[in-house]
Amino acid sequence: MEYNKMWVVFAVVLVLSLWYRVEGDPQVPCYFIFGDSLVDNGNNNQLQSLARSNYMPYGIDFPGGPTGRFSNGKTTVDVIAELLGFDDYIPPYVSASGQDILKGVNYASAAAGIREETGQQLGGRISFSGQVKNYQSTVSQVALYDYGARKMALFGIGQIGCSPSELAQNSPDGKTCVQRINSANQIFNSRLKALVNTLNNNVSDARFIYIDSYGIFQDIINSPSTYGFKVTNAGCCGVGRNNGQITCLPMQNPCQNRNEYLFWDAYHPTEAGNAIVAKRAYSAQAASDAYPVDIRRLAQI
């Protein structure tokens, strides 16, 4: 059967394209990733930037070692790729070529933001508009495929006020989340979720869903033992209070019990944390995890 689909997962943005599919193939055989350091897998490696992680101990638990991923192992989009049935991870834009682009490309860049000036103090990075331009260039190379309706999942912002960096700087006891930051996150997320309704009502050839990253992180932080975590207020690798004042340094010795830490460094989750977010985004554990459906259901539509 021939059918055409395009999917974008936002916030982190994944654009998944589907043309021909046979039994045994991935649920969506091609997807494109946009975002920042949460999903960057090497696009900043050759940039003159402080926002780089292509050194040990980053990637200490990843099969390929340090790749530019800001974690000890897999990122959220890596786990989603596995759940969707891919047999390999999506390559970064800087190294994708030939047949690689037919399964997808990762355009994400650490320190990037929607606004052009975001992250400029850290040096080189690929802004969101730059990532979109790179995507347009890639699509022109595979234009022989008939792209159809688009599907988008917009990931909300997690609890930034609970990150080791914010706890180190602004929490009196190093444990209480910074409500001022989290309140701003919630305002953004509420408007993002409302945007999903607006888009679904006004864009007839596309479908949109919202992933509640904030709620998922809140659940983990409120009940860490349920998910196997013992430490949620400090990074596994870093310097200073909460291991959050300076991020993980080259050749620094990280914690040994990495699966018991929610955060890998001052800002980014461990592979264990990323896996929980990915699995609940793909197959909702709570009704609030995804709206109106989760990624698995969206892929089936």
C-alpha atoms as a PDB file:
ATOM      1  CA  MET A   1       0.000   0.000   0.000  1.00  0.00           C
ATOM      2  CA  GLU A   2       1.296   3.474  -0.845  1.00  0.00           C
ATOM      3  CA  TYR A   3       0.733   6.304   1.556  1.00  0.00           C
ATOM      4  CA  ASN A   4       2.555   9.502   2.367  1.00  0.00           C
ATOM      5  CA  LYS A   5       3.124  11.046   5.759  1.00  0.00           C
ATOM      6  CA  MET A   6       5.396  13.628   7.268  1.00  0.00           C
ATOM      7  CA  TRP A   7       5.827  14.069  10.962  1.00  0.00           C
ATOM      8  CA  VAL A   8       7.558  16.737  13.005  1.00  0.00           C
ATOM      9  CA  VAL A   9       8.338  16.251  16.687  1.00  0.00           C
ATOM     10  CA  PHE A  10       8.973  19.645  18.134  1.00  0.00           C
ATOM     11  CA  ALA A  11      10.997  21.159  20.840  1.00  0.00           C
ATOM     12  CA  VAL A  12      13.227  19.015  20.161  1.00  0.00           C
ATOM     13  CA  VAL A  13      11.691  18.675  16.716  1.00  0.00           C
ATOM     14  CA  LEU A  14      11.533  15.413  14.818  1.00  0.00           C
ATOM     15  CA  VAL A  15      10.309  15.424  11.241  1.00  0.00           C
ATOM     16  CA  LEU A  16       9.394  11.912  10.248  1.00  0.00           C
ATOM     17  CA  SER A  17       8.572  11.126   6.651  1.00  0.00           C
ATOM     18  CA  LEU A  18       6.811   8.026   5.477  1.00  0.00           C
ATOM     19  CA  TRP A  19       6.351   6.960   1.875  1.00  0.00           C
ATOM     20  CA  TYR A  20       6.524   3.207   1.220  1.00  0.00           C
ATOM     21  CA  ARG A  21       6.390   0.882   4.170  1.00  0.00           C
ATOM     22  CA  VAL A  22       6.541  -2.893   4.263  1.00  0.00           C
ATOM     23  CA  GLU A  23       6.141  -5.260   7.175  1.00  0.00           C
ATOM     24  CA  GLY A  24       9.262  -5.323   9.326  1.00  0.00           C
ATOM     25  CA  ASP A  25      10.369  -1.807   8.441  1.00  0.00           C
ATOM     26  CA  PRO A  26      10.495   0.963  11.059  1.00  0.00           C
ATOM     27  CA  GLN A  27       7.116   2.515  11.809  1.00  0.00           C
ATOM     28  CA  VAL A  28       8.354   5.659  10.063  1.00  0.00           C
ATOM     29  CA  PRO A  29      11.454   4.937   7.968  1.00  0.00           C
ATOM     30  CA  CYS A  30      12.775   8.496   7.946  1.00  0.00           C
ATOM     31  CA  TYR A  31      12.874  11.296  10.475  1.00  0.00           C
ATOM     32  CA  PHE A  32      14.642  14.605  10.947  1.00  0.00           C
ATOM     33  CA  ILE A  33      15.621  16.113  14.296  1.00  0.00           C
ATOM     34  CA  PHE A  34      15.819  19.777  15.316  1.00  0.00           C
ATOM     35  CA  GLY A  35      16.736  21.133  18.722  1.00  0.00           C
ATOM     36  CA  ASP A  36      19.496  22.106  21.127  1.00  0.00           C
ATOM     37  CA  SER A  37      21.996  20.282  23.328  1.00  0.00           C
ATOM     38  CA  LEU A  38      19.342  17.883  24.608  1.00  0.00           C
ATOM     39  CA  VAL A  39      19.455  16.130  21.230  1.00  0.00           C
ATOM     40  CA  ASP A  40      22.633  17.382  19.503  1.00  0.00           C
ATOM     41  CA  ASN A  41      24.715  14.370  18.449  1.00  0.00           C
ATOM     42  CA  GLY A  42      27.767  16.036  16.955  1.00  0.00           C
ATOM     43  CA  ASN A  43      26.849  19.093  14.901  1.00  0.00           C
ATOM     44  CA  ASN A  44      28.851  21.388  17.196  1.00  0.00           C
ATOM     45  CA  ASN A  45      32.005  19.271  17.154  1.00  0.00           C
ATOM     46  CA  GLN A  46      33.739  21.334  14.473  1.00  0.00           C
ATOM     47  CA  LEU A  47      32.422  24.726  15.565  1.00  0.00           C
ATOM     48  CA  GLN A  48      34.370  27.287  17.564  1.00  0.00           C
ATOM     49  CA  SER A  49      32.079  26.911  20.536  1.00  0.00           C
ATOM     50  CA  LEU A  50      32.106  26.309  24.262  1.00  0.00           C
ATOM     51  CA  ALA A  51      28.964  24.205  23.757  1.00  0.00           C
ATOM     52  CA  ARG A  52      30.701  20.979  22.792  1.00  0.00           C
ATOM     53  CA  SER A  53      30.824  17.533  24.365  1.00  0.00           C
ATOM     54  CA  ASN A  54      33.003  15.415  22.067  1.00  0.00           C
ATOM     55  CA  TYR A  55      35.296  14.349  24.900  1.00  0.00           C
ATOM     56  CA  MET A  56      35.293  11.868  27.749  1.00  0.00           C
ATOM     57  CA  PRO A  57      33.502  11.270  30.021  1.00  0.00           C
ATOM     58  CA  TYR A  58      30.605  12.350  27.751  1.00  0.00           C
ATOM     59  CA  GLY A  59      29.501   9.224  25.911  1.00  0.00           C
ATOM     60  CA  ILE A  60      31.094   6.952  28.486  1.00  0.00           C
ATOM     61  CA  ASP A  61      28.132   4.546  28.183  1.00  0.00           C
ATOM     62  CA  PHE A  62      27.432   5.106  24.472  1.00  0.00           C
ATOM     63  CA  PRO A  63      28.652   2.374  22.086  1.00  0.00           C
ATOM     64  CA  GLY A  64      30.557   4.915  19.987  1.00  0.00           C
ATOM     65  CA  GLY A  65      32.067   6.761  22.944  1.00  0.00           C
ATOM     66  CA  PRO A  66      32.072  10.578  22.839  1.00  0.00           C
ATOM     67  CA  THR A  67      30.112  11.700  19.780  1.00  0.00           C
ATOM     68  CA  GLY A  68      28.921  15.163  20.747  1.00  0.00           C
ATOM     69  CA  ARG A  69      25.922  13.932  22.728  1.00  0.00           C
ATOM     70  CA  PHE A  70      25.430  15.807  25.998  1.00  0.00           C
ATOM     71  CA  SER A  71      24.885  12.737  28.142  1.00  0.00           C
ATOM     72  CA  ASN A  72      26.641   9.629  29.341  1.00  0.00           C
ATOM     73  CA  GLY A  73      24.742   7.624  26.738  1.00  0.00           C
ATOM     74  CA  LYS A  74      21.669   7.844  24.552  1.00  0.00           C
ATOM     75  CA  THR A  75      19.544  10.954  24.169  1.00  0.00           C
ATOM     76  CA  THR A  76      15.758  11.036  24.079  1.00  0.00           C
ATOM     77  CA  VAL A  77      15.675  10.972  20.271  1.00  0.00           C
ATOM     78  CA  ASP A  78      18.026   7.971  20.212  1.00  0.00           C
ATOM     79  CA  VAL A  79      15.589   6.011  22.372  1.00  0.00           C
ATOM     80  CA  ILE A  80      12.651   7.148  20.231  1.00  0.00           C
ATOM     81  CA  ALA A  81      14.523   5.885  17.163  1.00  0.00           C
ATOM     82  CA  GLU A  82      14.791   2.482  18.829  1.00  0.00           C
ATOM     83  CA  LEU A  83      11.105   2.483  19.771  1.00  0.00           C
ATOM     84  CA  LEU A  84      10.156   3.354  16.193  1.00  0.00           C
ATOM     85  CA  GLY A  85      12.123   0.352  14.970  1.00  0.00           C
ATOM     86  CA  PHE A  86      15.240   1.937  13.478  1.00  0.00           C
ATOM     87  CA  ASP A  87      18.322  -0.286  13.465  1.00  0.00           C
ATOM     88  CA  ASP A  88      20.696   2.661  13.879  1.00  0.00           C
ATOM     89  CA  TYR A  89      20.685   6.229  15.175  1.00  0.00           C
ATOM     90  CA  ILE A  90      20.049   9.246  12.975  1.00  0.00           C
ATOM     91  CA  PRO A  91      23.354  10.828  11.814  1.00  0.00           C
ATOM     92  CA  PRO A  92      24.267  14.482  12.452  1.00  0.00           C
ATOM     93  CA  TYR A  93      23.891  16.920   9.565  1.00  0.00           C
ATOM     94  CA  VAL A  94      27.632  17.606   9.427  1.00  0.00           C
ATOM     95  CA  SER A  95      28.406  14.009   8.486  1.00  0.00           C
ATOM     96  CA  ALA A  96      25.214  12.773   6.804  1.00  0.00           C
ATOM     97  CA  SER A  97      25.592  12.032   3.105  1.00  0.00           C
ATOM     98  CA  GLY A  98      24.473   9.712   0.341  1.00  0.00           C
ATOM     99  CA  GLN A  99      22.085   7.020   1.484  1.00  0.00           C
ATOM    100  CA  ASP A 100      22.295   8.279   5.086  1.00  0.00           C
ATOM    101  CA  ILE A 101      19.843  11.094   4.449  1.00  0.00           C
ATOM    102  CA  LEU A 102      17.161   8.685   3.268  1.00  0.00           C
ATOM    103  CA  LYS A 103      16.562   7.570   6.854  1.00  0.00           C
ATOM    104  CA  GLY A 104      16.890  11.030   8.375  1.00  0.00           C
ATOM    105  CA  VAL A 105      19.223  13.739   9.605  1.00  0.00           C
ATOM    106  CA  ASN A 106      19.832  15.332  13.002  1.00  0.00           C
ATOM    107  CA  TYR A 107      20.190  19.131  12.683  1.00  0.00           C
ATOM    108  CA  ALA A 108      20.231  19.922  16.416  1.00  0.00           C
ATOM    109  CA  SER A 109      22.894  22.264  17.739  1.00  0.00           C
ATOM    110  CA  ALA A 110      23.881  22.862  21.359  1.00  0.00           C
ATOM    111  CA  ALA A 111      23.183  26.408  22.617  1.00  0.00           C
ATOM    112  CA  ALA A 112      20.748  27.021  19.762  1.00  0.00           C
ATOM    113  CA  GLY A 113      17.381  28.648  20.290  1.00  0.00           C
ATOM    114  CA  ILE A 114      14.401  29.990  18.402  1.00  0.00           C
ATOM    115  CA  ARG A 115      15.853  33.497  18.676  1.00  0.00           C
ATOM    116  CA  GLU A 116      18.963  34.149  16.587  1.00  0.00           C
ATOM    117  CA  GLU A 117      20.930  35.619  19.499  1.00  0.00           C
ATOM    118  CA  THR A 118      20.326  32.699  21.855  1.00  0.00           C
ATOM    119  CA  GLY A 119      23.620  31.136  22.937  1.00  0.00           C
ATOM    120  CA  GLN A 120      25.820  33.681  21.194  1.00  0.00           C
ATOM    121  CA  GLN A 121      27.946  34.065  24.342  1.00  0.00           C
ATOM    122  CA  LEU A 122      29.072  30.449  23.862  1.00  0.00           C
ATOM    123  CA  GLY A 123      30.329  30.958  20.326  1.00  0.00           C
ATOM    124  CA  GLY A 124      29.366  28.963  17.251  1.00  0.00           C
ATOM    125  CA  ARG A 125      25.990  27.234  17.073  1.00  0.00           C
ATOM    126  CA  ILE A 126      23.303  26.611  14.459  1.00  0.00           C
ATOM    127  CA  SER A 127      20.174  28.608  15.286  1.00  0.00           C
ATOM    128  CA  PHE A 128      16.726  27.175  14.732  1.00  0.00           C
ATOM    129  CA  SER A 129      16.337  29.107  11.480  1.00  0.00           C
ATOM    130  CA  GLY A 130      19.723  27.771  10.380  1.00  0.00           C
ATOM    131  CA  GLN A 131      18.604  24.230  11.164  1.00  0.00           C
ATOM    132  CA  VAL A 132      15.481  24.753   9.063  1.00  0.00           C
ATOM    133  CA  LYS A 133      17.608  25.999   6.148  1.00  0.00           C
ATOM    134  CA  ASN A 134      19.786  22.895   6.412  1.00  0.00           C
ATOM    135  CA  TYR A 135      16.639  20.774   6.396  1.00  0.00           C
ATOM    136  CA  GLN A 136      15.385  22.526   3.264  1.00  0.00           C
ATOM    137  CA  SER A 137      18.689  21.725   1.597  1.00  0.00           C
ATOM    138  CA  THR A 138      18.337  18.060   2.525  1.00  0.00           C
ATOM    139  CA  VAL A 139      14.732  17.856   1.348  1.00  0.00           C
ATOM    140  CA  SER A 140      15.776  19.231  -2.043  1.00  0.00           C
ATOM    141  CA  GLN A 141      18.073  16.211  -2.375  1.00  0.00           C
ATOM    142  CA  VAL A 142      15.245  13.758  -1.748  1.00  0.00           C
ATOM    143  CA  ALA A 143      12.546  15.702  -3.569  1.00  0.00           C
ATOM    144  CA  LEU A 144      11.762  12.701  -5.747  1.00  0.00           C
ATOM    145  CA  TYR A 145       9.746  11.404  -2.819  1.00  0.00           C
ATOM    146  CA  ASP A 146       6.182  12.620  -2.659  1.00  0.00           C
ATOM    147  CA  TYR A 147       5.879  14.169   0.774  1.00  0.00           C
ATOM    148  CA  GLY A 148       2.362  14.207   2.106  1.00  0.00           C
ATOM    149  CA  ALA A 149       0.519  15.327   5.232  1.00  0.00           C
ATOM    150  CA  ARG A 150       2.670  16.466   8.143  1.00  0.00           C
ATOM    151  CA  LYS A 151       2.487  15.229  11.702  1.00  0.00           C
ATOM    152  CA  MET A 152       4.044  17.184  14.510  1.00  0.00           C
ATOM    153  CA  ALA A 153       4.659  16.507  18.191  1.00  0.00           C
ATOM    154  CA  LEU A 154       5.615  19.538  20.252  1.00  0.00           C
ATOM    155  CA  PHE A 155       7.647  18.750  23.359  1.00  0.00           C
ATOM    156  CA  GLY A 156       7.089  21.130  26.250  1.00  0.00           C
ATOM    157  CA  ILE A 157       9.938  22.488  28.359  1.00  0.00           C
ATOM    158  CA  GLY A 158      10.999  20.368  31.332  1.00  0.00           C
ATOM    159  CA  GLN A 159      11.496  21.611  34.884  1.00  0.00           C
ATOM    160  CA  ILE A 160      14.525  23.834  34.283  1.00  0.00           C
ATOM    161  CA  GLY A 161      14.164  25.197  37.811  1.00  0.00           C
ATOM    162  CA  CYS A 162      15.043  21.731  39.119  1.00  0.00           C
ATOM    163  CA  SER A 163      18.257  21.342  37.104  1.00  0.00           C
ATOM    164  CA  PRO A 164      21.555  21.149  39.035  1.00  0.00           C
ATOM    165  CA  SER A 165      22.623  24.463  37.508  1.00  0.00           C
ATOM    166  CA  GLU A 166      19.580  26.342  38.824  1.00  0.00           C
ATOM    167  CA  LEU A 167      19.688  24.545  42.174  1.00  0.00           C
ATOM    168  CA  ALA A 168      23.350  25.492  42.569  1.00  0.00           C
ATOM    169  CA  GLN A 169      22.757  29.137  41.738  1.00  0.00           C
ATOM    170  CA  ASN A 170      19.324  29.936  43.107  1.00  0.00           C
ATOM    171  CA  SER A 171      18.091  27.306  45.578  1.00  0.00           C
ATOM    172  CA  PRO A 172      18.719  28.110  49.281  1.00  0.00           C
ATOM    173  CA  ASP A 173      19.120  24.462  50.263  1.00  0.00           C
ATOM    174  CA  GLY A 174      20.250  23.013  46.942  1.00  0.00           C
ATOM    175  CA  LYS A 175      17.176  20.782  46.871  1.00  0.00           C
ATOM    176  CA  THR A 176      14.128  23.018  46.500  1.00  0.00           C
ATOM    177  CA  CYS A 177      13.342  23.739  42.859  1.00  0.00           C
ATOM    178  CA  VAL A 178      13.415  27.365  41.733  1.00  0.00           C
ATOM    179  CA  GLN A 179       9.733  28.206  41.364  1.00  0.00           C
ATOM    180  CA  ARG A 180      10.345  31.453  39.478  1.00  0.00           C
ATOM    181  CA  ILE A 181      11.944  29.501  36.639  1.00  0.00           C
ATOM    182  CA  ASN A 182       9.420  26.664  36.706  1.00  0.00           C
ATOM    183  CA  SER A 183       6.495  29.104  36.649  1.00  0.00           C
ATOM    184  CA  ALA A 184       7.862  30.644  33.467  1.00  0.00           C
ATOM    185  CA  ASN A 185       8.235  27.145  32.000  1.00  0.00           C
ATOM    186  CA  GLN A 186       4.599  26.392  32.830  1.00  0.00           C
ATOM    187  CA  ILE A 187       3.374  29.576  31.140  1.00  0.00           C
ATOM    188  CA  PHE A 188       5.247  28.642  27.975  1.00  0.00           C
ATOM    189  CA  ASN A 189       3.969  25.063  28.083  1.00  0.00           C
ATOM    190  CA  SER A 190       0.328  26.068  28.583  1.00  0.00           C
ATOM    191  CA  ARG A 191       0.503  28.284  25.517  1.00  0.00           C
ATOM    192  CA  LEU A 192       2.280  25.587  23.536  1.00  0.00           C
ATOM    193  CA  LYS A 193      -0.457  23.090  24.372  1.00  0.00           C
ATOM    194  CA  ALA A 194      -3.102  25.649  23.371  1.00  0.00           C
ATOM    195  CA  LEU A 195      -1.241  26.101  20.098  1.00  0.00           C
ATOM    196  CA  VAL A 196      -1.723  22.398  19.390  1.00  0.00           C
ATOM    197  CA  ASN A 197      -5.497  22.883  19.462  1.00  0.00           C
ATOM    198  CA  THR A 198      -5.268  25.976  17.281  1.00  0.00           C
ATOM    199  CA  LEU A 199      -3.108  24.218  14.714  1.00  0.00           C
ATOM    200  CA  ASN A 200      -5.287  21.106  14.628  1.00  0.00           C
ATOM    201  CA  ASN A 201      -8.342  23.296  14.029  1.00  0.00           C
ATOM    202  CA  ASN A 202      -6.768  25.442  11.339  1.00  0.00           C
ATOM    203  CA  VAL A 203      -4.257  23.312   9.461  1.00  0.00           C
ATOM    204  CA  SER A 204      -6.244  20.693   7.622  1.00  0.00           C
ATOM    205  CA  ASP A 205      -3.376  18.678   6.135  1.00  0.00           C
ATOM    206  CA  ALA A 206      -1.411  18.174   9.368  1.00  0.00           C
ATOM    207  CA  ARG A 207      -1.764  16.673  12.835  1.00  0.00           C
ATOM    208  CA  PHE A 208      -0.166  17.991  16.001  1.00  0.00           C
ATOM    209  CA  ILE A 209       0.371  16.586  19.483  1.00  0.00           C
ATOM    210  CA  TYR A 210       1.876  17.967  22.699  1.00  0.00           C
ATOM    211  CA  ILE A 211       4.294  16.055  24.948  1.00  0.00           C
ATOM    212  CA  ASP A 212       4.248  17.100  28.615  1.00  0.00           C
ATOM    213  CA  SER A 213       7.971  16.942  29.429  1.00  0.00           C
ATOM    214  CA  TYR A 214       7.364  19.156  32.469  1.00  0.00           C
ATOM    215  CA  GLY A 215       4.865  16.743  33.993  1.00  0.00           C
ATOM    216  CA  ILE A 216       7.051  13.730  33.285  1.00  0.00           C
ATOM    217  CA  PHE A 217      10.038  15.354  35.032  1.00  0.00           C
ATOM    218  CA  GLN A 218       7.815  16.421  37.920  1.00  0.00           C
ATOM    219  CA  ASP A 219       6.659  12.837  38.351  1.00  0.00           C
ATOM    220  CA  ILE A 220      10.262  11.585  38.410  1.00  0.00           C
ATOM    221  CA  ILE A 221      11.409  14.227  40.905  1.00  0.00           C
ATOM    222  CA  ASN A 222       8.414  13.631  43.196  1.00  0.00           C
ATOM    223  CA  SER A 223       8.817   9.836  43.162  1.00  0.00           C
ATOM    224  CA  PRO A 224      12.442   9.112  42.219  1.00  0.00           C
ATOM    225  CA  SER A 225      12.600   5.631  43.750  1.00  0.00           C
ATOM    226  CA  THR A 226       9.763   4.515  41.476  1.00  0.00           C
ATOM    227  CA  TYR A 227      12.132   5.007  38.563  1.00  0.00           C
ATOM    228  CA  GLY A 228      15.270   3.745  40.267  1.00  0.00           C
ATOM    229  CA  PHE A 229      16.814   7.151  40.999  1.00  0.00           C
ATOM    230  CA  LYS A 230      18.580   8.073  44.224  1.00  0.00           C
ATOM    231  CA  VAL A 231      19.875  11.513  43.201  1.00  0.00           C
ATOM    232  CA  THR A 232      17.767  14.094  41.364  1.00  0.00           C
ATOM    233  CA  ASN A 233      19.318  17.358  42.548  1.00  0.00           C
ATOM    234  CA  ALA A 234      22.935  16.960  41.400  1.00  0.00           C
ATOM    235  CA  GLY A 235      24.788  16.065  38.249  1.00  0.00           C
ATOM    236  CA  CYS A 236      26.682  12.805  37.948  1.00  0.00           C
ATOM    237  CA  CYS A 237      29.582  14.806  36.522  1.00  0.00           C
ATOM    238  CA  GLY A 238      30.393  18.441  37.219  1.00  0.00           C
ATOM    239  CA  VAL A 239      32.051  20.893  39.572  1.00  0.00           C
ATOM    240  CA  GLY A 240      30.840  22.881  42.570  1.00  0.00           C
ATOM    241  CA  ARG A 241      27.576  22.878  44.461  1.00  0.00           C
ATOM    242  CA  ASN A 242      25.212  20.179  43.160  1.00  0.00           C
ATOM    243  CA  ASN A 243      27.899  19.437  40.525  1.00  0.00           C
ATOM    244  CA  GLY A 244      26.088  22.222  38.742  1.00  0.00           C
ATOM    245  CA  GLN A 245      28.287  25.304  38.828  1.00  0.00           C
ATOM    246  CA  ILE A 246      30.662  24.105  36.108  1.00  0.00           C
ATOM    247  CA  THR A 247      29.641  21.418  33.662  1.00  0.00           C
ATOM    248  CA  CYS A 248      31.478  18.116  33.178  1.00  0.00           C
ATOM    249  CA  LEU A 249      35.144  18.749  32.296  1.00  0.00           C
ATOM    250  CA  PRO A 250      37.407  16.732  29.962  1.00  0.00           C
ATOM    251  CA  MET A 251      38.585  13.467  31.540  1.00  0.00           C
ATOM    252  CA  GLN A 252      36.778  14.222  34.813  1.00  0.00           C
ATOM    253  CA  ASN A 253      35.757  11.147  36.789  1.00  0.00           C
ATOM    254  CA  PRO A 254      31.942  10.889  36.823  1.00  0.00           C
ATOM    255  CA  CYS A 255      29.849   9.066  39.391  1.00  0.00           C
ATOM    256  CA  GLN A 256      29.885   5.278  39.154  1.00  0.00           C
ATOM    257  CA  ASN A 257      26.165   4.719  39.763  1.00  0.00           C
ATOM    258  CA  ARG A 258      25.013   6.656  36.692  1.00  0.00           C
ATOM    259  CA  ASN A 259      21.647   4.889  36.421  1.00  0.00           C
ATOM    260  CA  GLU A 260      20.768   6.257  39.869  1.00  0.00           C
ATOM    261  CA  TYR A 261      21.214   9.893  38.772  1.00  0.00           C
ATOM    262  CA  LEU A 262      18.543  11.818  36.893  1.00  0.00           C
ATOM    263  CA  PHE A 263      21.047  14.393  35.651  1.00  0.00           C
ATOM    264  CA  TRP A 264      24.337  13.708  33.929  1.00  0.00           C
ATOM    265  CA  ASP A 265      25.743  17.233  34.207  1.00  0.00           C
ATOM    266  CA  ALA A 266      24.553  20.706  35.175  1.00  0.00           C
ATOM    267  CA  TYR A 267      21.797  20.742  32.557  1.00  0.00           C
ATOM    268  CA  HIS A 268      21.278  17.418  30.785  1.00  0.00           C
ATOM    269  CA  PRO A 269      19.670  14.133  31.870  1.00  0.00           C
ATOM    270  CA  THR A 270      21.476  10.825  32.036  1.00  0.00           C
ATOM    271  CA  GLU A 271      20.614   8.103  29.559  1.00  0.00           C
ATOM    272  CA  ALA A 272      18.335   6.678  32.270  1.00  0.00           C
ATOM    273  CA  GLY A 273      16.443   9.979  32.473  1.00  0.00           C
ATOM    274  CA  ASN A 274      16.273  10.378  28.711  1.00  0.00           C
ATOM    275  CA  ALA A 275      14.870   6.869  28.346  1.00  0.00           C
ATOM    276  CA  ILE A 276      11.947   7.583  30.685  1.00  0.00           C
ATOM    277  CA  VAL A 277      10.959  10.746  28.809  1.00  0.00           C
ATOM    278  CA  ALA A 278      11.241   8.975  25.455  1.00  0.00           C
ATOM    279  CA  LYS A 279       9.213   5.943  26.513  1.00  0.00           C
ATOM    280  CA  ARG A 280       6.412   8.029  28.031  1.00  0.00           C
ATOM    281  CA  ALA A 281       6.332  10.299  24.979  1.00  0.00           C
ATOM    282  CA  TYR A 282       6.123   7.276  22.707  1.00  0.00           C
ATOM    283  CA  SER A 283       3.611   5.341  24.812  1.00  0.00           C
ATOM    284  CA  ALA A 284       1.902   7.517  27.420  1.00  0.00           C
ATOM    285  CA  GLN A 285       1.996   6.176  30.964  1.00  0.00           C
ATOM    286  CA  ALA A 286      -0.385   8.866  32.226  1.00  0.00           C
ATOM    287  CA  ALA A 287      -3.187  10.570  30.330  1.00  0.00           C
ATOM    288  CA  SER A 288      -1.369  13.890  30.669  1.00  0.00           C
ATOM    289  CA  ASP A 289       1.882  12.652  29.097  1.00  0.00           C
ATOM    290  CA  ALA A 290       0.691  13.340  25.562  1.00  0.00           C
ATOM    291  CA  TYR A 291      -2.201  15.289  24.069  1.00  0.00           C
ATOM    292  CA  PRO A 292      -4.356  14.331  22.259  1.00  0.00           C
ATOM    293  CA  VAL A 293      -2.416  11.112  21.493  1.00  0.00           C
ATOM    294  CA  ASP A 294       1.102   9.817  22.030  1.00  0.00           C
ATOM    295  CA  ILE A 295       3.817   9.295  19.415  1.00  0.00           C
ATOM    296  CA  ARG A 296       2.934   5.629  18.924  1.00  0.00           C
ATOM    297  CA  ARG A 297      -0.667   6.463  18.102  1.00  0.00           C
ATOM    298  CA  LEU A 298       0.367   9.374  15.912  1.00  0.00           C
ATOM    299  CA  ALA A 299       2.596   7.071  13.882  1.00  0.00           C
ATOM    300  CA  GLN A 300      -0.370   4.778  13.261  1.00  0.00           C
ATOM    301  CA  ILE A 301      -2.742   7.474  12.033  1.00  0.00           C
END
